[in-house]
């Protein structure tokens, strides 16, 4: 690696930067008015920032703490997988698409939280490992793919818009987990194809 090599040349580096940025933004958003940032379907077009800011809103301290811990785990997963910059950019690009599917649940009047975007990050890293990993890395990728798929099926994203509050003291919107996963996986496939052509 030469002295002129940038961040994008270091596998996993941009991924860590993305993860740190998400965590910091979520902490800062804690002190903001959640009603101006969370997902509200009737305001999503005139207030388009909500496509991004909804992920940063957390409704209880435990909700925020759990998602910050999950962000650290996703950061470690991508770092260990040494994901290249195209995969990291695909994860960034999947952020607003995570909330696109919420239009299918108009009864979900408010939504916030990093979990959908984090599911997208896991899916992006998993696609990278399945397609480009070697040996044990590819095995880990397949195990994660099966595990995440089972988790999403158990959550039944086609069912109720929300699941009742759990130990996090906040309701869960399983559709966001599914849409984040799909967006992360599809945009990673696209990014890898474009990178190969380049």
N, C-alpha and C. Protein backbone atom coordinates (compact mmCIF):
# COMPACT_ATOMS: atom_id res chain seq x y z
N UNK A 1 0.85 -1.19 0.00
CA UNK A 1 0.00 0.00 0.00
C UNK A 1 0.89 1.24 0.00
N UNK A 2 0.64 2.13 -0.90
CA UNK A 2 1.47 3.33 -1.00
C UNK A 2 0.99 4.38 -0.04
N UNK A 3 1.81 5.44 0.12
CA UNK A 3 1.45 6.52 1.02
C UNK A 3 0.21 7.27 0.54
N UNK A 4 -0.06 7.22 -0.76
CA UNK A 4 -1.19 7.96 -1.31
C UNK A 4 -2.49 7.17 -1.24
N UNK A 5 -2.40 5.94 -0.74
CA UNK A 5 -3.62 5.14 -0.64
C UNK A 5 -4.61 5.81 0.28
N UNK A 6 -5.85 5.86 -0.15
CA UNK A 6 -6.88 6.52 0.64
C UNK A 6 -7.66 5.55 1.49
N UNK A 7 -8.63 6.10 2.17
CA UNK A 7 -9.49 5.29 3.04
C UNK A 7 -10.15 4.16 2.26
N UNK A 8 -10.57 4.46 1.02
CA UNK A 8 -11.29 3.46 0.24
C UNK A 8 -10.43 2.27 -0.14
N UNK A 9 -9.08 2.38 0.00
CA UNK A 9 -8.19 1.28 -0.34
C UNK A 9 -7.97 0.32 0.82
N UNK A 10 -8.46 0.66 1.99
CA UNK A 10 -8.22 -0.14 3.18
C UNK A 10 -9.47 -0.95 3.51
N UNK A 11 -9.46 -2.25 3.26
CA UNK A 11 -10.66 -3.06 3.54
C UNK A 11 -11.14 -2.90 4.96
N UNK A 12 -12.42 -2.62 5.09
CA UNK A 12 -13.03 -2.48 6.40
C UNK A 12 -13.00 -1.08 6.97
N UNK A 13 -12.12 -0.21 6.48
CA UNK A 13 -11.96 1.12 7.08
C UNK A 13 -13.19 1.98 6.87
N UNK A 14 -13.70 2.04 5.65
CA UNK A 14 -14.89 2.84 5.38
C UNK A 14 -16.09 2.27 6.14
N UNK A 15 -16.12 0.96 6.29
CA UNK A 15 -17.19 0.31 7.05
C UNK A 15 -17.19 0.80 8.49
N UNK A 16 -16.01 0.85 9.11
CA UNK A 16 -15.92 1.34 10.48
C UNK A 16 -16.33 2.80 10.58
N UNK A 17 -15.96 3.59 9.58
CA UNK A 17 -16.34 5.00 9.57
C UNK A 17 -17.86 5.14 9.47
N UNK A 18 -18.48 4.35 8.61
CA UNK A 18 -19.95 4.36 8.51
C UNK A 18 -20.59 4.02 9.85
N UNK A 19 -20.09 2.98 10.48
CA UNK A 19 -20.66 2.53 11.75
C UNK A 19 -20.53 3.59 12.83
N UNK A 20 -19.35 4.20 12.91
CA UNK A 20 -19.13 5.25 13.90
C UNK A 20 -20.02 6.44 13.63
N UNK A 21 -20.19 6.78 12.36
CA UNK A 21 -21.07 7.90 12.00
C UNK A 21 -22.52 7.65 12.39
N UNK A 22 -22.99 6.44 12.15
CA UNK A 22 -24.35 6.08 12.54
C UNK A 22 -24.54 6.19 14.05
N UNK A 23 -23.58 5.65 14.80
CA UNK A 23 -23.69 5.69 16.26
C UNK A 23 -23.68 7.12 16.78
N UNK A 24 -22.76 7.93 16.27
CA UNK A 24 -22.68 9.32 16.72
C UNK A 24 -23.95 10.08 16.38
N UNK A 25 -24.45 9.89 15.16
CA UNK A 25 -25.67 10.59 14.74
C UNK A 25 -26.86 10.18 15.60
N UNK A 26 -26.94 8.90 15.96
CA UNK A 26 -28.03 8.44 16.80
C UNK A 26 -27.96 9.05 18.19
N UNK A 27 -26.75 9.16 18.73
CA UNK A 27 -26.58 9.78 20.05
C UNK A 27 -26.99 11.25 19.99
N UNK A 28 -26.56 11.96 18.96
CA UNK A 28 -26.92 13.37 18.83
C UNK A 28 -28.43 13.55 18.64
N UNK A 29 -29.04 12.64 17.90
CA UNK A 29 -30.49 12.74 17.64
C UNK A 29 -31.30 12.50 18.90
N UNK A 30 -30.71 11.88 19.91
CA UNK A 30 -31.42 11.61 21.15
C UNK A 30 -31.94 12.91 21.78
N UNK A 31 -31.20 14.00 21.57
CA UNK A 31 -31.59 15.27 22.17
C UNK A 31 -32.46 16.12 21.25
N UNK A 32 -32.76 15.60 20.08
CA UNK A 32 -33.63 16.32 19.14
C UNK A 32 -35.09 15.95 19.38
N UNK A 33 -35.97 16.70 18.78
CA UNK A 33 -37.41 16.41 18.85
C UNK A 33 -37.71 15.25 17.91
N UNK A 34 -38.08 14.10 18.48
CA UNK A 34 -38.28 12.91 17.65
C UNK A 34 -39.38 13.12 16.62
N UNK A 35 -40.36 13.96 16.92
CA UNK A 35 -41.48 14.17 15.98
C UNK A 35 -41.03 14.84 14.70
N UNK A 36 -39.88 15.51 14.73
CA UNK A 36 -39.39 16.16 13.51
C UNK A 36 -38.47 15.24 12.70
N UNK A 37 -38.12 14.09 13.28
CA UNK A 37 -37.16 13.20 12.62
C UNK A 37 -37.71 11.82 12.30
N UNK A 38 -38.68 11.33 13.07
CA UNK A 38 -39.11 9.94 12.89
C UNK A 38 -39.90 9.75 11.60
N UNK A 39 -40.11 8.48 11.25
CA UNK A 39 -40.89 8.16 10.06
C UNK A 39 -42.36 8.40 10.32
N UNK A 40 -42.96 9.22 9.49
CA UNK A 40 -44.40 9.45 9.51
C UNK A 40 -44.86 9.44 8.06
N UNK A 41 -45.64 8.44 7.66
CA UNK A 41 -45.95 8.27 6.23
C UNK A 41 -46.57 9.50 5.58
N UNK A 42 -47.39 10.24 6.32
CA UNK A 42 -48.04 11.40 5.72
C UNK A 42 -47.07 12.57 5.52
N UNK A 43 -45.89 12.48 6.13
CA UNK A 43 -44.91 13.58 6.00
C UNK A 43 -43.66 13.16 5.23
N UNK A 44 -43.62 11.93 4.77
CA UNK A 44 -42.39 11.41 4.18
C UNK A 44 -41.99 12.10 2.90
N UNK A 45 -42.94 12.54 2.09
CA UNK A 45 -42.58 13.23 0.85
C UNK A 45 -42.29 14.71 1.07
N UNK A 46 -43.16 15.45 1.75
CA UNK A 46 -42.83 16.87 1.94
C UNK A 46 -41.64 17.10 2.86
N UNK A 47 -41.34 16.14 3.73
CA UNK A 47 -40.20 16.25 4.64
C UNK A 47 -39.27 15.05 4.40
N UNK A 48 -38.62 15.10 3.25
CA UNK A 48 -37.89 13.93 2.75
C UNK A 48 -36.71 13.52 3.63
N UNK A 49 -36.25 14.39 4.52
CA UNK A 49 -35.15 14.00 5.39
C UNK A 49 -35.51 12.80 6.26
N UNK A 50 -36.81 12.57 6.45
CA UNK A 50 -37.23 11.47 7.31
C UNK A 50 -36.81 10.11 6.75
N UNK A 51 -36.56 10.01 5.45
CA UNK A 51 -36.09 8.76 4.87
C UNK A 51 -34.75 8.35 5.49
N UNK A 52 -33.98 9.34 5.94
CA UNK A 52 -32.70 9.09 6.61
C UNK A 52 -32.81 9.23 8.12
N UNK A 53 -33.43 10.31 8.57
CA UNK A 53 -33.40 10.62 10.00
C UNK A 53 -34.19 9.63 10.85
N UNK A 54 -35.16 8.94 10.26
CA UNK A 54 -35.95 7.98 11.05
C UNK A 54 -35.07 6.94 11.72
N UNK A 55 -34.00 6.55 11.05
CA UNK A 55 -33.12 5.52 11.62
C UNK A 55 -32.40 6.02 12.87
N UNK A 56 -32.28 7.32 13.03
CA UNK A 56 -31.52 7.88 14.14
C UNK A 56 -32.35 8.10 15.39
N UNK A 57 -33.67 7.98 15.26
CA UNK A 57 -34.59 8.24 16.37
C UNK A 57 -34.73 7.00 17.24
N UNK A 58 -34.63 7.19 18.55
CA UNK A 58 -34.86 6.10 19.50
C UNK A 58 -35.78 6.62 20.59
N UNK A 59 -36.70 5.76 21.00
CA UNK A 59 -37.78 6.22 21.86
C UNK A 59 -37.54 5.97 23.35
N UNK A 60 -36.61 5.11 23.71
CA UNK A 60 -36.28 4.89 25.11
C UNK A 60 -34.76 4.76 25.23
N UNK A 61 -34.21 5.01 26.41
CA UNK A 61 -32.76 4.81 26.59
C UNK A 61 -32.32 3.39 26.28
N UNK A 62 -33.12 2.41 26.64
CA UNK A 62 -32.75 1.01 26.37
C UNK A 62 -32.76 0.73 24.87
N UNK A 63 -33.71 1.32 24.15
CA UNK A 63 -33.76 1.19 22.69
C UNK A 63 -32.48 1.73 22.08
N UNK A 64 -32.07 2.92 22.50
CA UNK A 64 -30.84 3.51 21.98
C UNK A 64 -29.63 2.66 22.36
N UNK A 65 -29.54 2.26 23.62
CA UNK A 65 -28.39 1.48 24.06
C UNK A 65 -28.25 0.16 23.32
N UNK A 66 -29.39 -0.52 23.12
CA UNK A 66 -29.35 -1.80 22.41
C UNK A 66 -28.89 -1.61 20.97
N UNK A 67 -29.35 -0.55 20.33
CA UNK A 67 -28.96 -0.34 18.93
C UNK A 67 -27.51 0.15 18.82
N UNK A 68 -27.00 0.85 19.82
CA UNK A 68 -25.59 1.22 19.80
C UNK A 68 -24.72 -0.02 19.95
N UNK A 69 -25.14 -0.94 20.81
CA UNK A 69 -24.41 -2.20 20.95
C UNK A 69 -24.47 -2.99 19.65
N UNK A 70 -25.64 -3.03 19.03
CA UNK A 70 -25.79 -3.73 17.75
C UNK A 70 -24.93 -3.08 16.67
N UNK A 71 -24.82 -1.76 16.71
CA UNK A 71 -23.96 -1.07 15.73
C UNK A 71 -22.52 -1.50 15.90
N UNK A 72 -22.06 -1.63 17.13
CA UNK A 72 -20.69 -2.09 17.38
C UNK A 72 -20.48 -3.51 16.84
N UNK A 73 -21.49 -4.36 16.99
CA UNK A 73 -21.38 -5.73 16.48
C UNK A 73 -21.35 -5.77 14.95
N UNK A 74 -22.18 -4.93 14.32
CA UNK A 74 -22.17 -4.86 12.86
C UNK A 74 -20.84 -4.29 12.36
N UNK A 75 -20.31 -3.31 13.09
CA UNK A 75 -19.00 -2.76 12.74
C UNK A 75 -17.93 -3.84 12.80
N UNK A 76 -17.96 -4.64 13.86
CA UNK A 76 -16.97 -5.71 14.02
C UNK A 76 -17.13 -6.78 12.94
N UNK A 77 -18.36 -7.08 12.56
CA UNK A 77 -18.62 -8.08 11.52
C UNK A 77 -18.03 -7.63 10.19
N UNK A 78 -18.30 -6.38 9.80
CA UNK A 78 -17.76 -5.87 8.54
C UNK A 78 -16.25 -5.73 8.56
N UNK A 79 -15.70 -5.33 9.70
CA UNK A 79 -14.25 -5.20 9.83
C UNK A 79 -13.58 -6.56 9.71
N UNK A 80 -14.13 -7.55 10.41
CA UNK A 80 -13.55 -8.89 10.34
C UNK A 80 -13.65 -9.47 8.93
N UNK A 81 -14.72 -9.13 8.23
CA UNK A 81 -14.91 -9.61 6.85
C UNK A 81 -14.07 -8.81 5.85
N UNK A 82 -13.47 -7.71 6.32
CA UNK A 82 -12.65 -6.83 5.47
C UNK A 82 -13.42 -6.40 4.22
N UNK A 83 -14.64 -5.92 4.46
CA UNK A 83 -15.47 -5.52 3.32
C UNK A 83 -14.83 -4.34 2.60
N UNK A 84 -14.83 -4.36 1.28
CA UNK A 84 -14.24 -3.27 0.52
C UNK A 84 -15.19 -2.08 0.45
N UNK A 85 -14.67 -0.98 -0.05
CA UNK A 85 -15.47 0.26 -0.09
C UNK A 85 -16.76 0.13 -0.89
N UNK A 86 -16.83 -0.63 -2.02
CA UNK A 86 -18.13 -0.74 -2.70
C UNK A 86 -19.23 -1.31 -1.83
N UNK A 87 -18.89 -2.25 -0.95
CA UNK A 87 -19.89 -2.83 -0.05
C UNK A 87 -20.30 -1.80 1.00
N UNK A 88 -19.33 -1.05 1.50
CA UNK A 88 -19.65 0.00 2.47
C UNK A 88 -20.54 1.07 1.85
N UNK A 89 -20.26 1.45 0.61
CA UNK A 89 -21.11 2.44 -0.08
C UNK A 89 -22.51 1.87 -0.34
N UNK A 90 -22.58 0.59 -0.63
CA UNK A 90 -23.89 -0.04 -0.83
C UNK A 90 -24.71 0.03 0.45
N UNK A 91 -24.06 -0.17 1.58
CA UNK A 91 -24.76 -0.08 2.86
C UNK A 91 -25.30 1.34 3.07
N UNK A 92 -24.46 2.33 2.79
CA UNK A 92 -24.91 3.72 2.91
C UNK A 92 -26.12 3.96 2.00
N UNK A 93 -26.02 3.48 0.76
CA UNK A 93 -27.10 3.71 -0.21
C UNK A 93 -28.39 3.01 0.20
N UNK A 94 -28.29 1.93 0.96
CA UNK A 94 -29.50 1.17 1.35
C UNK A 94 -30.29 1.88 2.45
N UNK A 95 -29.69 2.86 3.10
CA UNK A 95 -30.30 3.52 4.25
C UNK A 95 -31.72 4.01 3.97
N UNK A 96 -31.95 4.89 2.99
CA UNK A 96 -33.33 5.35 2.78
C UNK A 96 -34.26 4.25 2.25
N UNK A 97 -33.72 3.30 1.50
CA UNK A 97 -34.56 2.23 0.97
C UNK A 97 -35.09 1.32 2.08
N UNK A 98 -34.40 1.34 3.22
CA UNK A 98 -34.88 0.57 4.37
C UNK A 98 -36.30 0.99 4.75
N UNK A 99 -36.61 2.26 4.58
CA UNK A 99 -37.90 2.79 5.00
C UNK A 99 -38.95 2.76 3.89
N UNK A 100 -38.53 2.43 2.68
CA UNK A 100 -39.45 2.44 1.54
C UNK A 100 -40.62 1.49 1.77
N UNK A 101 -40.34 0.30 2.27
CA UNK A 101 -41.41 -0.70 2.45
C UNK A 101 -42.42 -0.30 3.50
N UNK A 102 -42.07 0.65 4.35
CA UNK A 102 -43.01 1.06 5.40
C UNK A 102 -44.28 1.67 4.81
N UNK A 103 -44.24 2.06 3.55
CA UNK A 103 -45.45 2.54 2.88
C UNK A 103 -46.52 1.45 2.84
N UNK A 104 -46.08 0.20 2.89
CA UNK A 104 -47.04 -0.92 2.85
C UNK A 104 -47.81 -1.06 4.17
N UNK A 105 -47.38 -0.35 5.18
CA UNK A 105 -48.04 -0.39 6.50
C UNK A 105 -48.43 1.02 6.91
N UNK A 106 -49.44 1.60 6.26
CA UNK A 106 -49.80 2.99 6.59
C UNK A 106 -50.28 3.15 8.02
N UNK A 107 -50.65 2.04 8.66
CA UNK A 107 -51.07 2.12 10.06
C UNK A 107 -49.89 2.36 11.00
N UNK A 108 -48.68 2.21 10.48
CA UNK A 108 -47.48 2.49 11.26
C UNK A 108 -47.23 3.99 11.19
N UNK A 109 -47.83 4.72 12.10
CA UNK A 109 -47.83 6.19 12.04
C UNK A 109 -46.50 6.80 12.46
N UNK A 110 -45.73 6.08 13.27
CA UNK A 110 -44.42 6.56 13.71
C UNK A 110 -43.45 5.38 13.74
N UNK A 111 -42.24 5.62 13.28
CA UNK A 111 -41.21 4.59 13.32
C UNK A 111 -39.87 5.26 13.53
N UNK A 112 -39.02 4.63 14.32
CA UNK A 112 -37.67 5.11 14.49
C UNK A 112 -36.78 3.98 14.96
N UNK A 113 -35.49 4.11 14.68
CA UNK A 113 -34.53 3.13 15.16
C UNK A 113 -33.55 2.66 14.10
N UNK A 114 -32.37 2.28 14.55
CA UNK A 114 -31.30 1.83 13.65
C UNK A 114 -31.43 0.39 13.19
N UNK A 115 -32.35 -0.37 13.78
CA UNK A 115 -32.35 -1.81 13.53
C UNK A 115 -32.52 -2.18 12.06
N UNK A 116 -33.37 -1.46 11.33
CA UNK A 116 -33.54 -1.77 9.92
C UNK A 116 -32.27 -1.54 9.13
N UNK A 117 -31.61 -0.41 9.37
CA UNK A 117 -30.35 -0.10 8.69
C UNK A 117 -29.27 -1.10 9.09
N UNK A 118 -29.24 -1.49 10.34
CA UNK A 118 -28.24 -2.46 10.79
C UNK A 118 -28.47 -3.83 10.16
N UNK A 119 -29.74 -4.21 9.99
CA UNK A 119 -30.02 -5.45 9.26
C UNK A 119 -29.46 -5.36 7.83
N UNK A 120 -29.56 -4.18 7.24
CA UNK A 120 -28.99 -3.98 5.91
C UNK A 120 -27.48 -4.15 5.91
N UNK A 121 -26.83 -3.68 6.97
CA UNK A 121 -25.38 -3.85 7.07
C UNK A 121 -24.97 -5.30 7.21
N UNK A 122 -25.72 -6.04 8.00
CA UNK A 122 -25.44 -7.47 8.15
C UNK A 122 -25.62 -8.17 6.80
N UNK A 123 -26.71 -7.85 6.11
CA UNK A 123 -26.96 -8.47 4.81
C UNK A 123 -25.87 -8.14 3.80
N UNK A 124 -25.41 -6.90 3.80
CA UNK A 124 -24.37 -6.49 2.87
C UNK A 124 -23.08 -7.27 3.12
N UNK A 125 -22.68 -7.37 4.37
CA UNK A 125 -21.47 -8.13 4.70
C UNK A 125 -21.63 -9.61 4.37
N UNK A 126 -22.80 -10.14 4.63
CA UNK A 126 -23.05 -11.56 4.37
C UNK A 126 -22.98 -11.87 2.88
N UNK A 127 -23.56 -11.01 2.06
CA UNK A 127 -23.46 -11.20 0.61
C UNK A 127 -22.00 -11.18 0.17
N UNK A 128 -21.23 -10.25 0.72
CA UNK A 128 -19.80 -10.17 0.39
C UNK A 128 -19.10 -11.48 0.74
N UNK A 129 -19.37 -12.01 1.93
CA UNK A 129 -18.70 -13.24 2.34
C UNK A 129 -19.12 -14.44 1.50
N UNK A 130 -20.41 -14.53 1.19
CA UNK A 130 -20.89 -15.66 0.39
C UNK A 130 -20.30 -15.64 -1.01
N UNK A 131 -20.20 -14.44 -1.60
CA UNK A 131 -19.73 -14.34 -2.98
C UNK A 131 -18.22 -14.28 -3.11
N UNK A 132 -17.56 -13.65 -2.16
CA UNK A 132 -16.12 -13.42 -2.32
C UNK A 132 -15.27 -14.00 -1.20
N UNK A 133 -15.90 -14.52 -0.17
CA UNK A 133 -15.14 -15.09 0.94
C UNK A 133 -14.43 -16.37 0.54
N UNK A 134 -13.41 -16.74 1.32
CA UNK A 134 -12.66 -17.95 1.06
C UNK A 134 -12.74 -18.86 2.28
N UNK A 135 -12.92 -20.15 2.05
CA UNK A 135 -12.86 -21.13 3.12
C UNK A 135 -13.84 -20.85 4.24
N UNK A 136 -13.30 -20.65 5.45
CA UNK A 136 -14.12 -20.45 6.64
C UNK A 136 -14.96 -19.19 6.52
N UNK A 137 -14.43 -18.17 5.86
CA UNK A 137 -15.20 -16.93 5.69
C UNK A 137 -16.50 -17.20 4.93
N UNK A 138 -16.41 -17.97 3.87
CA UNK A 138 -17.62 -18.27 3.10
C UNK A 138 -18.60 -19.10 3.93
N UNK A 139 -18.07 -20.02 4.73
CA UNK A 139 -18.93 -20.81 5.61
C UNK A 139 -19.67 -19.91 6.59
N UNK A 140 -18.95 -18.95 7.17
CA UNK A 140 -19.58 -17.98 8.08
C UNK A 140 -20.67 -17.22 7.34
N UNK A 141 -20.38 -16.81 6.11
CA UNK A 141 -21.36 -16.09 5.31
C UNK A 141 -22.64 -16.89 5.11
N UNK A 142 -22.50 -18.16 4.77
CA UNK A 142 -23.68 -19.00 4.57
C UNK A 142 -24.45 -19.19 5.86
N UNK A 143 -23.74 -19.36 6.96
CA UNK A 143 -24.41 -19.52 8.25
C UNK A 143 -25.18 -18.26 8.62
N UNK A 144 -24.58 -17.09 8.37
CA UNK A 144 -25.25 -15.83 8.65
C UNK A 144 -26.46 -15.64 7.74
N UNK A 145 -26.32 -16.04 6.48
CA UNK A 145 -27.43 -15.92 5.53
C UNK A 145 -28.62 -16.76 6.00
N UNK A 146 -28.35 -17.98 6.39
CA UNK A 146 -29.42 -18.85 6.88
C UNK A 146 -30.02 -18.29 8.17
N UNK A 147 -29.16 -17.87 9.08
CA UNK A 147 -29.64 -17.34 10.36
C UNK A 147 -30.49 -16.09 10.20
N UNK A 148 -30.04 -15.16 9.35
CA UNK A 148 -30.81 -13.94 9.16
C UNK A 148 -32.13 -14.23 8.44
N UNK A 149 -32.11 -15.14 7.49
CA UNK A 149 -33.34 -15.49 6.78
C UNK A 149 -34.36 -16.10 7.73
N UNK A 150 -33.91 -17.01 8.59
CA UNK A 150 -34.82 -17.62 9.57
C UNK A 150 -35.37 -16.56 10.51
N UNK A 151 -34.52 -15.67 10.98
CA UNK A 151 -34.97 -14.60 11.88
C UNK A 151 -36.07 -13.77 11.24
N UNK A 152 -35.86 -13.39 9.99
CA UNK A 152 -36.86 -12.56 9.30
C UNK A 152 -38.17 -13.31 9.10
N UNK A 153 -38.09 -14.59 8.77
CA UNK A 153 -39.31 -15.39 8.60
C UNK A 153 -40.07 -15.53 9.92
N UNK A 154 -39.34 -15.74 11.00
CA UNK A 154 -39.97 -15.87 12.32
C UNK A 154 -40.67 -14.56 12.71
N UNK A 155 -40.09 -13.44 12.32
CA UNK A 155 -40.68 -12.14 12.66
C UNK A 155 -41.95 -11.83 11.85
N UNK A 156 -42.17 -12.56 10.76
CA UNK A 156 -43.36 -12.40 9.91
C UNK A 156 -43.59 -10.94 9.49
N UNK A 157 -42.70 -10.40 8.67
CA UNK A 157 -42.84 -9.00 8.25
C UNK A 157 -44.10 -8.72 7.44
N UNK A 158 -44.71 -9.76 6.90
CA UNK A 158 -45.96 -9.59 6.15
C UNK A 158 -47.17 -9.48 7.07
N UNK A 159 -46.96 -9.69 8.36
CA UNK A 159 -48.06 -9.69 9.32
C UNK A 159 -48.31 -8.33 9.93
N UNK A 160 -48.44 -8.29 11.24
CA UNK A 160 -48.76 -7.04 11.95
C UNK A 160 -47.66 -6.01 11.72
N UNK A 161 -48.07 -4.75 11.66
CA UNK A 161 -47.11 -3.66 11.44
C UNK A 161 -46.10 -3.57 12.56
N UNK A 162 -46.54 -3.84 13.78
CA UNK A 162 -45.64 -3.80 14.91
C UNK A 162 -45.86 -5.02 15.80
N UNK A 163 -44.81 -5.38 16.50
CA UNK A 163 -44.90 -6.38 17.55
C UNK A 163 -44.92 -5.63 18.88
N UNK A 164 -45.65 -6.12 19.85
CA UNK A 164 -45.76 -5.41 21.13
C UNK A 164 -44.39 -5.15 21.74
N UNK A 165 -44.30 -4.15 22.61
CA UNK A 165 -43.01 -3.84 23.26
C UNK A 165 -42.41 -5.07 23.92
N UNK A 166 -41.11 -5.19 23.76
CA UNK A 166 -40.39 -6.32 24.33
C UNK A 166 -39.54 -5.82 25.49
N UNK A 167 -38.45 -6.53 25.75
CA UNK A 167 -37.55 -6.11 26.83
C UNK A 167 -36.91 -4.76 26.54
N UNK A 168 -36.96 -4.31 25.29
CA UNK A 168 -36.42 -2.98 24.96
C UNK A 168 -37.43 -1.88 25.26
N UNK A 169 -38.61 -2.26 25.70
CA UNK A 169 -39.66 -1.30 26.04
C UNK A 169 -40.05 -0.45 24.84
N UNK A 170 -39.96 -1.03 23.64
CA UNK A 170 -40.38 -0.33 22.43
C UNK A 170 -40.91 -1.36 21.46
N UNK A 171 -41.95 -1.01 20.72
CA UNK A 171 -42.50 -1.93 19.73
C UNK A 171 -41.51 -2.14 18.58
N UNK A 172 -41.58 -3.30 17.96
CA UNK A 172 -40.69 -3.66 16.86
C UNK A 172 -41.47 -3.67 15.56
N UNK A 173 -40.91 -3.07 14.51
CA UNK A 173 -41.52 -3.09 13.18
C UNK A 173 -40.74 -4.08 12.32
N UNK A 174 -41.19 -5.34 12.23
CA UNK A 174 -40.41 -6.35 11.51
C UNK A 174 -40.24 -6.06 10.03
N UNK A 175 -41.16 -5.30 9.44
CA UNK A 175 -41.02 -4.98 8.02
C UNK A 175 -39.75 -4.17 7.76
N UNK A 176 -39.36 -3.32 8.71
CA UNK A 176 -38.13 -2.55 8.55
C UNK A 176 -36.91 -3.45 8.55
N UNK A 177 -36.93 -4.50 9.35
CA UNK A 177 -35.82 -5.45 9.35
C UNK A 177 -35.72 -6.14 8.00
N UNK A 178 -36.85 -6.56 7.46
CA UNK A 178 -36.85 -7.24 6.17
C UNK A 178 -36.44 -6.31 5.04
N UNK A 179 -37.00 -5.10 5.02
CA UNK A 179 -36.68 -4.18 3.93
C UNK A 179 -35.23 -3.73 4.00
N UNK A 180 -34.70 -3.54 5.22
CA UNK A 180 -33.29 -3.19 5.34
C UNK A 180 -32.40 -4.31 4.83
N UNK A 181 -32.75 -5.54 5.17
CA UNK A 181 -31.97 -6.70 4.73
C UNK A 181 -31.97 -6.82 3.20
N UNK A 182 -33.15 -6.69 2.63
CA UNK A 182 -33.27 -6.81 1.16
C UNK A 182 -32.52 -5.68 0.46
N UNK A 183 -32.69 -4.45 0.96
CA UNK A 183 -32.00 -3.32 0.35
C UNK A 183 -30.49 -3.49 0.45
N UNK A 184 -30.00 -3.88 1.61
CA UNK A 184 -28.56 -4.07 1.77
C UNK A 184 -28.02 -5.14 0.85
N UNK A 185 -28.74 -6.25 0.73
CA UNK A 185 -28.28 -7.36 -0.12
C UNK A 185 -28.29 -6.97 -1.60
N UNK A 186 -29.41 -6.39 -2.06
CA UNK A 186 -29.53 -6.06 -3.48
C UNK A 186 -28.53 -4.99 -3.90
N UNK A 187 -28.36 -3.96 -3.09
CA UNK A 187 -27.43 -2.91 -3.46
C UNK A 187 -25.98 -3.39 -3.39
N UNK A 188 -25.70 -4.35 -2.53
CA UNK A 188 -24.36 -4.93 -2.51
C UNK A 188 -24.11 -5.74 -3.78
N UNK A 189 -25.10 -6.52 -4.19
CA UNK A 189 -24.96 -7.25 -5.46
C UNK A 189 -24.68 -6.30 -6.61
N UNK A 190 -25.42 -5.20 -6.65
CA UNK A 190 -25.23 -4.20 -7.70
C UNK A 190 -23.84 -3.58 -7.61
N UNK A 191 -23.43 -3.21 -6.40
CA UNK A 191 -22.11 -2.58 -6.22
C UNK A 191 -20.98 -3.50 -6.65
N UNK A 192 -21.09 -4.77 -6.31
CA UNK A 192 -20.04 -5.72 -6.68
C UNK A 192 -19.99 -5.94 -8.18
N UNK A 193 -21.15 -5.95 -8.80
CA UNK A 193 -21.17 -6.09 -10.25
C UNK A 193 -20.55 -4.88 -10.94
N UNK A 194 -20.89 -3.69 -10.46
CA UNK A 194 -20.32 -2.47 -11.03
C UNK A 194 -18.83 -2.40 -10.80
N UNK A 195 -18.37 -2.83 -9.61
CA UNK A 195 -16.93 -2.81 -9.31
C UNK A 195 -16.19 -3.78 -10.21
N UNK A 196 -16.80 -4.91 -10.52
CA UNK A 196 -16.14 -5.89 -11.39
C UNK A 196 -16.00 -5.34 -12.80
N UNK A 197 -17.04 -4.62 -13.26
CA UNK A 197 -16.96 -4.04 -14.60
C UNK A 197 -15.91 -2.92 -14.68
N UNK A 198 -15.76 -2.21 -13.54
CA UNK A 198 -14.81 -1.11 -13.50
C UNK A 198 -13.38 -1.61 -13.50
